[in-house]
Amino acid sequence: MVDQPQQPAVTDPDNVGELSCEGPINVSIITERAILTFTHMRPDATALFRDGTLEPVVIVRARIVITLENLNALRDLLNRMTQPGGTVTPSTAGGSTRH
């Protein structure tokens, strides 16, 4: 039996916060990296405080840079999770990514 590589322990020492990103998402690929850009729609603060009007604007909330290998692993994970009856199992594909 082949020994499976051990995944390093996952920690969150900075207690990274969660962001609400309910707007459009974009993926840009530059050489061997993918940039995932997440956005959120909200009222423009200037118009809201100026005269109380709701003028929606889309703002960038997060950009995440990952390898193409991990982008493919993310794709595979999302495909498995969105299938009827899909379950997520840990994998060693994609370097240290746990998906």
Protein backbone atom coordinates (compact mmCIF):
# COMPACT_ATOMS: atom_id res chain seq x y z
CA MET A 1 0.00 0.00 0.00
CA VAL A 2 1.36 3.42 -0.95
CA ASP A 3 1.64 5.92 1.87
CA GLN A 4 -0.60 8.92 1.29
CA PRO A 5 1.05 12.31 1.84
CA GLN A 6 -0.02 13.90 5.11
CA GLN A 7 -1.89 17.17 4.89
CA PRO A 8 -0.54 19.90 7.17
CA ALA A 9 -2.82 21.02 9.99
CA VAL A 10 -5.07 23.95 9.06
CA THR A 11 -4.92 26.89 11.47
CA ASP A 12 -6.43 30.37 11.50
CA PRO A 13 -4.17 32.39 13.84
CA ASP A 14 -5.32 35.74 12.43
CA ASN A 15 -9.00 34.78 12.72
CA VAL A 16 -9.61 35.82 9.10
CA GLY A 17 -13.09 37.29 8.76
CA GLU A 18 -15.73 36.23 6.30
CA LEU A 19 -16.88 38.65 3.61
CA SER A 20 -20.24 38.99 1.95
CA CYS A 21 -19.61 38.70 -1.80
CA GLU A 22 -22.98 38.38 -3.50
CA GLY A 23 -22.10 40.22 -6.70
CA PRO A 24 -20.45 39.14 -9.94
CA ILE A 25 -17.35 36.93 -9.78
CA ASN A 26 -14.49 36.99 -12.26
CA VAL A 27 -11.50 34.74 -12.95
CA SER A 28 -8.41 36.07 -14.73
CA ILE A 29 -5.54 33.78 -15.68
CA ILE A 30 -2.06 35.25 -15.95
CA THR A 31 0.72 32.78 -16.71
CA GLU A 32 0.55 30.04 -14.02
CA ARG A 33 -1.76 31.92 -11.63
CA ALA A 34 -5.49 32.55 -11.49
CA ILE A 35 -6.97 35.65 -9.86
CA LEU A 36 -10.46 35.22 -8.47
CA THR A 37 -12.21 38.57 -7.95
CA PHE A 38 -15.31 38.70 -5.73
CA THR A 39 -17.70 41.66 -5.62
CA HIS A 40 -20.71 42.86 -3.68
CA MET A 41 -23.50 45.27 -4.62
CA ARG A 42 -24.49 47.99 -2.17
CA PRO A 43 -25.92 51.51 -2.22
CA ASP A 44 -23.53 54.31 -3.09
CA ALA A 45 -22.77 55.93 0.26
CA THR A 46 -22.43 59.46 -1.18
CA ALA A 47 -25.89 59.45 -2.78
CA LEU A 48 -27.42 57.70 0.22
CA PHE A 49 -26.20 60.33 2.68
CA ARG A 50 -26.60 63.25 0.27
CA ASP A 51 -30.28 62.83 -0.57
CA GLY A 52 -31.32 59.37 0.58
CA THR A 53 -31.35 57.80 -2.89
CA LEU A 54 -30.34 54.21 -3.46
CA GLU A 55 -27.87 54.08 -6.32
CA PRO A 56 -26.40 50.57 -6.45
CA VAL A 57 -22.69 50.18 -7.05
CA VAL A 58 -20.64 47.00 -7.31
CA ILE A 59 -17.45 47.02 -5.27
CA VAL A 60 -14.53 44.59 -5.19
CA ARG A 61 -14.46 42.82 -1.81
CA ALA A 62 -11.67 40.29 -2.32
CA ARG A 63 -9.04 39.09 -4.78
CA ILE A 64 -7.53 35.67 -4.30
CA VAL A 65 -4.52 34.47 -6.28
CA ILE A 66 -4.12 30.70 -6.66
CA THR A 67 -2.21 28.31 -8.87
CA LEU A 68 -3.89 26.81 -11.93
CA GLU A 69 -3.60 23.42 -10.25
CA ASN A 70 -5.62 24.70 -7.29
CA LEU A 71 -8.10 26.42 -9.63
CA ASN A 72 -8.75 23.04 -11.24
CA ALA A 73 -9.06 21.45 -7.79
CA LEU A 74 -11.58 24.16 -6.84
CA ARG A 75 -13.54 23.45 -10.02
CA ASP A 76 -13.60 19.73 -9.23
CA LEU A 77 -14.69 20.41 -5.66
CA LEU A 78 -17.53 22.68 -6.76
CA ASN A 79 -18.65 20.16 -9.37
CA ARG A 80 -18.77 17.41 -6.74
CA MET A 81 -20.54 19.61 -4.19
CA THR A 82 -23.23 20.77 -6.60
CA GLN A 83 -24.13 17.31 -7.88
CA PRO A 84 -27.31 15.79 -6.41
CA GLY A 85 -26.23 13.69 -3.44
CA GLY A 86 -22.66 14.94 -3.81
CA THR A 87 -20.36 14.56 -0.84
CA VAL A 88 -16.97 16.11 -0.32
CA THR A 89 -14.03 13.85 0.43
CA PRO A 90 -10.49 15.03 1.25
CA SER A 91 -8.01 14.79 -1.59
CA THR A 92 -4.28 15.25 -1.95
CA ALA A 93 -4.56 16.80 -5.43
CA GLY A 94 -3.66 20.45 -5.78
CA GLY A 95 -0.66 20.57 -3.47
CA SER A 96 -1.57 21.45 0.09
CA THR A 97 -5.14 22.36 -0.79
CA ARG A 98 -7.65 20.37 1.20
CA HIS A 99 -10.85 19.92 -0.79
